[in-house]
Protein backbone atom coordinates (compact mmCIF):
# COMPACT_ATOMS: atom_id res chain seq x y z
CA MET A 1 0.00 0.00 0.00
CA SER A 2 1.21 3.50 -0.83
CA SER A 3 2.00 5.43 2.31
CA THR A 4 3.10 8.76 3.65
CA SER A 5 5.07 9.32 6.82
CA SER A 6 2.93 9.90 9.89
CA VAL A 7 3.69 13.13 11.70
CA PRO A 8 5.03 12.05 15.12
CA PRO A 9 3.38 13.26 18.32
CA PHE A 10 4.65 16.63 19.47
CA PRO A 11 5.85 17.12 23.05
CA GLY A 12 3.13 17.91 25.55
CA ILE A 13 0.29 16.21 23.67
CA LYS A 14 -1.57 13.66 25.78
CA PRO A 15 -3.62 10.76 24.41
CA ALA A 16 -6.85 11.81 26.12
CA THR A 17 -9.51 13.72 24.17
CA LEU A 18 -9.25 17.50 24.58
CA ARG A 19 -12.59 19.06 25.56
CA THR A 20 -11.91 22.26 27.51
CA GLY A 21 -9.76 25.34 27.45
CA ALA A 22 -7.67 23.85 30.24
CA ASP A 23 -7.12 20.67 28.18
CA LEU A 24 -5.95 22.76 25.23
CA ALA A 25 -3.60 24.81 27.39
CA LYS A 26 -2.12 21.69 29.00
CA ALA A 27 -1.48 20.26 25.54
CA GLY A 28 0.32 23.42 24.48
CA LEU A 29 -2.42 24.42 22.02
CA ALA A 30 -3.59 27.51 23.91
CA ALA A 31 -2.27 30.00 26.44
CA ASP A 32 -3.47 29.87 30.04
CA SER A 33 -4.85 33.37 29.54
CA ASP A 34 -7.14 32.06 26.79
CA ILE A 35 -8.83 29.34 28.85
CA ASN A 36 -11.93 31.33 29.82
CA ALA A 37 -12.45 32.63 26.29
CA LEU A 38 -12.16 29.11 24.84
CA ASP A 39 -14.59 27.72 27.42
CA ALA A 40 -17.05 30.44 26.36
CA VAL A 41 -16.77 29.14 22.80
CA GLY A 42 -17.25 25.58 24.04
CA ALA A 43 -20.45 26.57 25.83
CA GLU A 44 -21.87 27.61 22.47
CA TYR A 45 -20.18 25.17 20.07
CA SER A 46 -18.91 21.79 21.26
CA ILE A 47 -15.18 21.06 21.59
CA SER A 48 -13.65 17.61 21.18
CA ILE A 49 -10.24 16.73 19.74
CA PRO A 50 -9.15 13.08 20.06
CA GLY A 51 -5.62 12.73 21.37
CA GLY A 52 -4.33 11.00 18.25
CA LEU A 53 -5.53 13.88 16.11
CA ALA A 54 -4.16 16.47 18.52
CA ALA A 55 -0.79 14.75 18.23
CA LEU A 56 -0.64 15.82 14.57
CA ILE A 57 -0.67 19.50 15.54
CA ASP A 58 2.59 21.43 15.78
CA PRO A 59 2.02 23.83 18.73
CA ALA A 60 4.90 25.99 17.48
CA ASP A 61 3.17 26.68 14.15
CA PRO A 62 0.53 29.44 14.42
CA ASP A 63 -0.73 28.44 10.96
CA ASP A 64 -0.93 24.69 11.56
CA PRO A 65 -3.71 23.40 9.24
CA ILE A 66 -4.87 20.70 11.67
CA ALA A 67 -5.14 23.13 14.57
CA ARG A 68 -7.04 25.61 12.42
CA GLN A 69 -9.74 23.01 11.75
CA PHE A 70 -10.29 21.82 15.32
CA VAL A 71 -8.90 24.22 17.94
CA PRO A 72 -11.63 26.74 18.90
CA ASP A 73 -11.24 30.45 18.32
CA PRO A 74 -13.07 33.22 20.24
CA ALA A 75 -13.90 34.75 16.84
CA GLU A 76 -16.47 31.95 16.44
CA LEU A 77 -18.78 33.90 18.74
CA VAL A 78 -18.89 36.81 16.26
CA ALA A 79 -21.54 36.22 13.59
CA ARG A 80 -21.75 38.25 10.39
CA ASP A 81 -25.01 39.46 8.87
CA ASP A 82 -24.73 37.03 5.95
CA GLU A 83 -24.23 33.96 8.18
CA LEU A 84 -27.07 31.59 8.97
CA ASP A 85 -28.14 29.21 11.76
CA ASP A 86 -29.23 26.69 9.11
CA PRO A 87 -27.07 27.50 6.07
CA ILE A 88 -28.15 24.58 3.86
CA GLY A 89 -31.81 24.47 4.88
CA ASP A 90 -31.99 21.23 6.87
CA GLU A 91 -34.94 22.44 8.94
CA THR A 92 -36.90 23.58 5.88
CA HIS A 93 -36.67 20.11 4.38
CA SER A 94 -37.16 17.98 7.51
CA PRO A 95 -40.63 16.40 7.31
CA VAL A 96 -40.01 14.19 10.37
CA ARG A 97 -37.46 14.38 13.15
CA GLY A 98 -34.01 13.11 12.22
CA LEU A 99 -34.66 13.05 8.46
CA VAL A 100 -33.99 15.60 5.70
CA HIS A 101 -35.62 15.14 2.29
CA ARG A 102 -34.08 17.70 -0.08
CA TYR A 103 -33.76 15.69 -3.31
CA PRO A 104 -36.46 13.42 -4.80
CA ASP A 105 -34.51 10.16 -4.73
CA ARG A 106 -32.53 10.38 -1.47
CA VAL A 107 -32.81 11.38 2.15
CA LEU A 108 -30.47 12.16 5.01
CA LEU A 109 -31.04 10.13 8.16
CA MET A 110 -29.41 11.53 11.31
CA PRO A 111 -29.50 8.88 14.07
CA THR A 112 -27.10 10.86 16.29
CA LEU A 113 -25.85 14.40 16.79
CA SER A 114 -22.65 13.24 18.49
CA CYS A 115 -19.20 13.34 16.87
CA PRO A 116 -15.76 12.27 18.08
CA VAL A 117 -14.40 15.61 16.84
CA TYR A 118 -16.09 18.96 16.26
CA CYS A 119 -14.93 20.87 13.21
CA ARG A 120 -14.87 24.62 13.77
CA TYR A 121 -16.51 25.28 10.36
CA CYS A 122 -19.35 22.72 10.71
CA PHE A 123 -22.64 23.83 9.12
CA ARG A 124 -24.56 21.97 11.87
CA ARG A 125 -22.46 23.47 14.66
CA ASP A 126 -25.55 24.79 16.49
CA GLN A 127 -26.83 21.22 16.87
CA VAL A 128 -23.97 18.72 17.05
CA GLY A 129 -22.75 17.78 20.49
CA ARG A 130 -26.09 18.72 22.07
CA ALA A 131 -28.63 16.25 23.44
CA ALA A 132 -31.54 18.41 22.29
CA GLY A 133 -32.76 17.31 18.87
CA THR A 134 -31.25 13.83 18.95
CA PRO A 135 -33.81 11.40 17.46
CA THR A 136 -35.26 8.74 19.73
CA ALA A 137 -35.89 5.14 18.68
CA ASP A 138 -39.53 6.10 18.06
CA ASP A 139 -38.42 9.06 15.91
CA LEU A 140 -36.25 6.74 13.81
CA GLU A 141 -39.13 4.32 13.31
CA VAL A 142 -41.27 7.21 12.03
CA ALA A 143 -38.42 8.07 9.66
CA TYR A 144 -38.18 4.47 8.43
CA ARG A 145 -41.91 4.45 7.72
CA TYR A 146 -41.58 7.76 5.87
CA ILE A 147 -38.98 6.14 3.60
CA GLU A 148 -41.05 2.99 3.15
CA ASP A 149 -44.05 5.06 2.03
CA ARG A 150 -42.07 6.74 -0.76
CA PRO A 151 -40.67 4.30 -3.33
CA ASP A 152 -39.00 7.17 -5.23
CA ILE A 153 -36.41 7.26 -2.41
CA ARG A 154 -33.55 5.07 -3.57
CA GLU A 155 -30.70 6.13 -1.28
CA VAL A 156 -30.42 6.77 2.46
CA ILE A 157 -27.43 8.79 3.66
CA LEU A 158 -26.54 8.28 7.32
CA THR A 159 -25.09 11.47 8.74
CA GLY A 160 -25.46 13.57 11.85
CA GLY A 161 -23.36 13.89 14.00
CA ASP A 162 -21.22 10.97 13.01
CA PRO A 163 -23.00 7.63 12.54
CA LEU A 164 -19.84 5.70 13.46
CA SER A 165 -19.96 7.23 16.95
CA LEU A 166 -22.84 4.79 17.58
CA SER A 167 -22.19 1.31 18.93
CA ASP A 168 -21.78 -1.62 16.57
CA ALA A 169 -25.10 -3.02 17.80
CA ARG A 170 -27.03 0.19 17.08
CA LEU A 171 -25.43 0.56 13.67
CA ALA A 172 -26.24 -3.04 12.83
CA ARG A 173 -29.90 -2.47 13.78
CA ILE A 174 -30.11 0.65 11.59
CA ILE A 175 -28.48 -1.05 8.60
CA ALA A 176 -30.67 -4.15 9.03
CA ARG A 177 -33.83 -2.03 9.24
CA LEU A 178 -32.95 -0.12 6.08
CA ASP A 179 -32.09 -3.40 4.35
CA THR A 180 -35.75 -4.44 4.69
CA ILE A 181 -36.84 -1.61 2.37
CA PRO A 182 -36.84 -3.38 -0.99
CA TYR A 183 -36.44 -0.44 -3.37
CA LEU A 184 -33.39 1.14 -1.75
CA ASN A 185 -30.47 1.04 -4.17
CA ASN A 186 -27.76 1.80 -1.60
CA ILE A 187 -26.93 3.17 1.85
CA ARG A 188 -24.25 5.83 2.24
CA ILE A 189 -22.45 6.72 5.49
CA HIS A 190 -20.81 10.11 5.94
CA THR A 191 -18.13 10.02 8.61
CA ARG A 192 -14.88 11.44 9.96
CA VAL A 193 -14.25 8.48 12.27
CA PRO A 194 -11.76 6.49 10.12
CA VAL A 195 -9.63 9.64 9.91
CA VAL A 196 -9.83 10.85 13.52
CA LEU A 197 -10.31 7.52 15.37
CA PRO A 198 -8.86 4.85 13.08
CA ASP A 199 -8.86 2.24 15.86
CA ARG A 200 -12.67 2.40 15.78
CA ILE A 201 -12.58 0.48 12.47
CA THR A 202 -12.75 -3.02 13.90
CA ASP A 203 -13.93 -6.37 12.58
CA GLY A 204 -17.06 -5.89 14.68
CA LEU A 205 -17.84 -2.56 13.04
CA ILE A 206 -17.29 -3.96 9.55
CA ALA A 207 -19.58 -6.89 10.38
CA ALA A 208 -22.26 -4.42 11.51
CA LEU A 209 -22.15 -2.73 8.11
CA GLN A 210 -22.72 -5.88 6.07
CA SER A 211 -25.97 -5.76 4.12
CA ASP A 212 -27.59 -7.02 0.94
CA THR A 213 -28.22 -3.35 0.18
CA PRO A 214 -24.79 -1.96 -0.79
CA VAL A 215 -23.17 0.23 1.86
CA TRP A 216 -20.83 3.01 0.73
CA MET A 217 -18.78 5.27 2.98
CA ALA A 218 -17.79 8.91 2.39
CA LEU A 219 -14.82 10.01 4.52
CA HIS A 220 -14.44 13.65 5.48
CA THR A 221 -10.82 14.80 5.30
CA ASN A 222 -9.26 18.14 4.41
CA HIS A 223 -5.47 17.74 4.53
CA ALA A 224 -3.02 14.96 3.63
CA ARG A 225 -1.45 15.17 7.10
CA GLU A 226 -4.66 13.71 8.51
CA LEU A 227 -4.13 10.54 6.47
CA THR A 228 -1.52 8.80 8.62
CA ASP A 229 -0.38 5.21 8.35
CA GLU A 230 -2.96 4.29 11.02
CA VAL A 231 -5.70 5.86 8.91
CA ALA A 232 -4.39 4.00 5.86
CA ALA A 233 -4.67 0.71 7.76
CA ALA A 234 -8.24 1.54 8.81
CA CYS A 235 -9.21 2.33 5.23
CA ASP A 236 -7.61 -0.90 4.08
CA ARG A 237 -9.75 -2.82 6.61
CA LEU A 238 -12.86 -1.14 5.24
CA THR A 239 -12.12 -1.81 1.58
CA ARG A 240 -11.16 -5.42 2.30
CA GLY A 241 -14.43 -5.66 4.22
CA GLY A 242 -16.36 -4.75 1.08
CA ILE A 243 -17.06 -1.09 1.87
CA PRO A 244 -16.28 1.20 -1.10
CA LEU A 245 -14.80 4.55 -0.05
CA LEU A 246 -15.41 8.09 -1.27
CA SER A 247 -14.15 11.36 0.14
CA GLN A 248 -15.57 14.78 0.83
CA THR A 249 -13.43 17.81 1.53
CA VAL A 250 -14.27 21.39 2.47
CA LEU A 251 -12.21 24.08 0.77
CA LEU A 252 -10.96 26.12 3.74
CA LYS A 253 -8.89 29.29 3.86
CA GLY A 254 -5.64 28.62 5.68
CA VAL A 255 -6.07 24.85 5.55
CA ASN A 256 -6.11 23.62 1.95
CA ASP A 257 -6.56 26.68 -0.28
CA SER A 258 -3.55 25.97 -2.45
CA VAL A 259 -2.97 23.80 -5.49
CA ASP A 260 -0.08 21.97 -3.84
CA VAL A 261 -2.03 21.07 -0.69
CA LEU A 262 -5.08 19.90 -2.66
CA THR A 263 -2.84 17.92 -5.02
CA ASP A 264 -1.17 16.11 -2.12
CA LEU A 265 -4.55 15.35 -0.53
CA MET A 266 -6.21 13.99 -3.67
CA ARG A 267 -3.24 11.85 -4.63
CA ARG A 268 -3.04 10.45 -1.11
CA LEU A 269 -6.75 9.59 -1.21
CA ILE A 270 -6.38 7.68 -4.46
CA ALA A 271 -3.37 5.83 -3.05
CA LEU A 272 -5.63 4.66 -0.20
CA LYS A 273 -8.35 3.53 -2.67
CA ILE A 274 -10.61 6.44 -1.75
CA LYS A 275 -12.28 8.16 -4.71
CA PRO A 276 -12.37 11.97 -4.30
CA TYR A 277 -16.07 12.82 -4.49
CA TYR A 278 -16.95 16.34 -3.33
CA LEU A 279 -14.93 19.49 -2.71
CA HIS A 280 -17.35 21.78 -0.86
CA HIS A 281 -17.28 25.55 -0.97
CA PRO A 282 -17.52 26.59 2.71
CA ASP A 283 -21.06 27.16 4.01
CA ARG A 284 -22.15 30.30 5.80
CA ALA A 285 -22.46 28.86 9.28
CA ARG A 286 -22.34 31.43 12.06
CA GLY A 287 -18.89 32.39 13.27
CA THR A 288 -17.01 30.69 10.43
CA ALA A 289 -15.92 33.74 8.41
CA LYS A 290 -12.21 33.01 8.79
CA PHE A 291 -12.57 29.83 6.73
CA ARG A 292 -14.32 31.34 3.73
CA LEU A 293 -12.75 32.27 0.42
CA THR A 294 -14.58 33.62 -2.61
CA LEU A 295 -16.02 31.58 -5.44
CA THR A 296 -13.61 33.39 -7.75
CA GLU A 297 -10.67 32.14 -5.65
CA GLY A 298 -12.07 28.62 -5.36
CA ARG A 299 -12.83 28.31 -9.06
CA ALA A 300 -9.30 29.43 -9.93
CA LEU A 301 -7.83 26.82 -7.58
CA VAL A 302 -9.92 24.02 -9.05
CA ALA A 303 -9.14 25.10 -12.60
CA ALA A 304 -5.42 24.91 -11.77
CA LEU A 305 -5.93 21.55 -10.08
CA ARG A 306 -7.36 20.06 -13.26
CA GLY A 307 -4.06 20.55 -14.99
CA ASN A 308 -2.10 19.21 -12.06
CA ILE A 309 -3.62 15.79 -11.34
CA SER A 310 -5.41 13.06 -13.26
CA GLY A 311 -9.15 12.86 -13.74
CA LEU A 312 -9.31 9.99 -11.25
CA CYS A 313 -8.10 12.39 -8.55
CA GLN A 314 -10.64 15.12 -9.31
CA PRO A 315 -13.52 15.83 -6.93
CA THR A 316 -16.57 17.82 -8.00
CA TYR A 317 -16.36 21.35 -6.61
CA VAL A 318 -19.83 22.28 -5.33
CA VAL A 319 -21.57 25.07 -3.48
CA ASP A 320 -24.67 24.42 -1.37
CA ILE A 321 -27.21 27.06 -2.30
CA PRO A 322 -28.32 28.79 0.93
CA GLY A 323 -31.90 28.03 1.89
CA GLY A 324 -31.81 24.32 1.12
CA HIS A 325 -31.93 24.41 -2.68
CA GLY A 326 -29.23 21.76 -3.01
CA LYS A 327 -25.74 21.63 -4.48
CA THR A 328 -24.64 23.09 -7.76
CA PRO A 329 -21.23 22.65 -9.46
CA ALA A 330 -19.25 25.75 -8.54
CA GLN A 331 -17.42 25.67 -11.88
CA ASP A 332 -20.76 26.09 -13.68
CA VAL A 333 -22.12 29.14 -11.83
CA THR A 334 -22.34 32.41 -13.72
CA PRO A 335 -21.53 35.95 -12.58
CA ALA A 336 -24.41 38.41 -12.39
CA GLY A 337 -22.58 40.48 -15.02
CA ASP A 338 -22.79 43.78 -13.20
CA GLY A 339 -19.18 43.86 -12.05
CA THR A 340 -20.09 43.00 -8.44
CA ASP A 341 -19.53 39.89 -6.32
CA ARG A 342 -22.99 38.51 -7.13
CA TRP A 343 -23.43 35.14 -8.83
CA ASN A 344 -26.36 33.25 -10.32
CA LEU A 345 -26.63 29.71 -8.95
CA ARG A 346 -28.95 27.29 -10.72
CA ASP A 347 -30.47 24.49 -8.63
CA PHE A 348 -31.34 20.98 -9.79
CA ARG A 349 -34.90 22.10 -10.58
CA GLY A 350 -33.60 24.75 -12.99
CA GLU A 351 -34.41 27.70 -10.73
CA THR A 352 -31.84 30.50 -10.32
CA HIS A 353 -30.76 31.99 -6.99
CA GLU A 354 -28.62 35.03 -6.34
CA TYR A 355 -25.50 34.43 -4.27
CA VAL A 356 -23.51 37.35 -2.89
CA ASP A 357 -19.96 36.11 -2.55
CA ASN A 358 -18.14 37.67 0.41
CA SER A 359 -15.02 36.03 1.78
CA GLY A 360 -14.09 36.03 5.45
């Protein structure tokens, strides 16, 4: 298997999960004077950084791309006027609790709002890590019946939260229940777990995912440094267990907004038998301005990427149209033509939406 050198743990990093300002300070990822400010962020938006992931951060580098994704910043509590509580319209398209039905042939099913790590740019950051809103077993049964009553639904995407934060037994029950719906074509799982907790990928987990209905897995990763040898081994266990792998990446200022970084990431994914699937333009979640770049910048990066790596390595660069109108290829959007930063985004129904493109 192709490999890249794992970044060794840096001094001061402990194996325990970091959840508070004091944890971050003890690990050398924050100053003691910042503890109260970081805890204020944590009260609003959950903090959790597994020790193995924290060990990839260089505390001496103020621009470390791993730290930027996961270490909280007091600026998160400052929301801009163009930022939204529900940037991609989950609530608008949620007919029953724990389910989002945005496209005719597929639904999102969110059995948990818990994650092993909380990304600072998450578009569900107001919900994840909170008990409120987590579907009950009865809620999930209502969602299953909703799917059963609509034969046009051919795909169920397990998301959340992170579905792999559930126990093997609960996952097995969910997969088995979905497997009873005869017209489903496939089940897809969106997860960060193989990247941030590779030891979670056990034989028991892989057994829980076995189903007559094909199960695919989309891994969320944003930088090649996340894809250590341990992650490579976890991905190998999944592919040998019959689980095809895709990737989704968010284009983030200060993390991966360069041709070289994206090239390294996409090549590494292909080496691990993970097909690059989506490259997401950052959503307008509250307090995430520092991660956003403009569509003009993103489109230029992706255009340069196409000449740099093979077609197999290319993800589709997409922007989620605010309000829940779905994804549209960012390379296909058109400028308003008035010399401003306004764009016309066409949704899958053929309707056009104005998008004012302000970076952070």
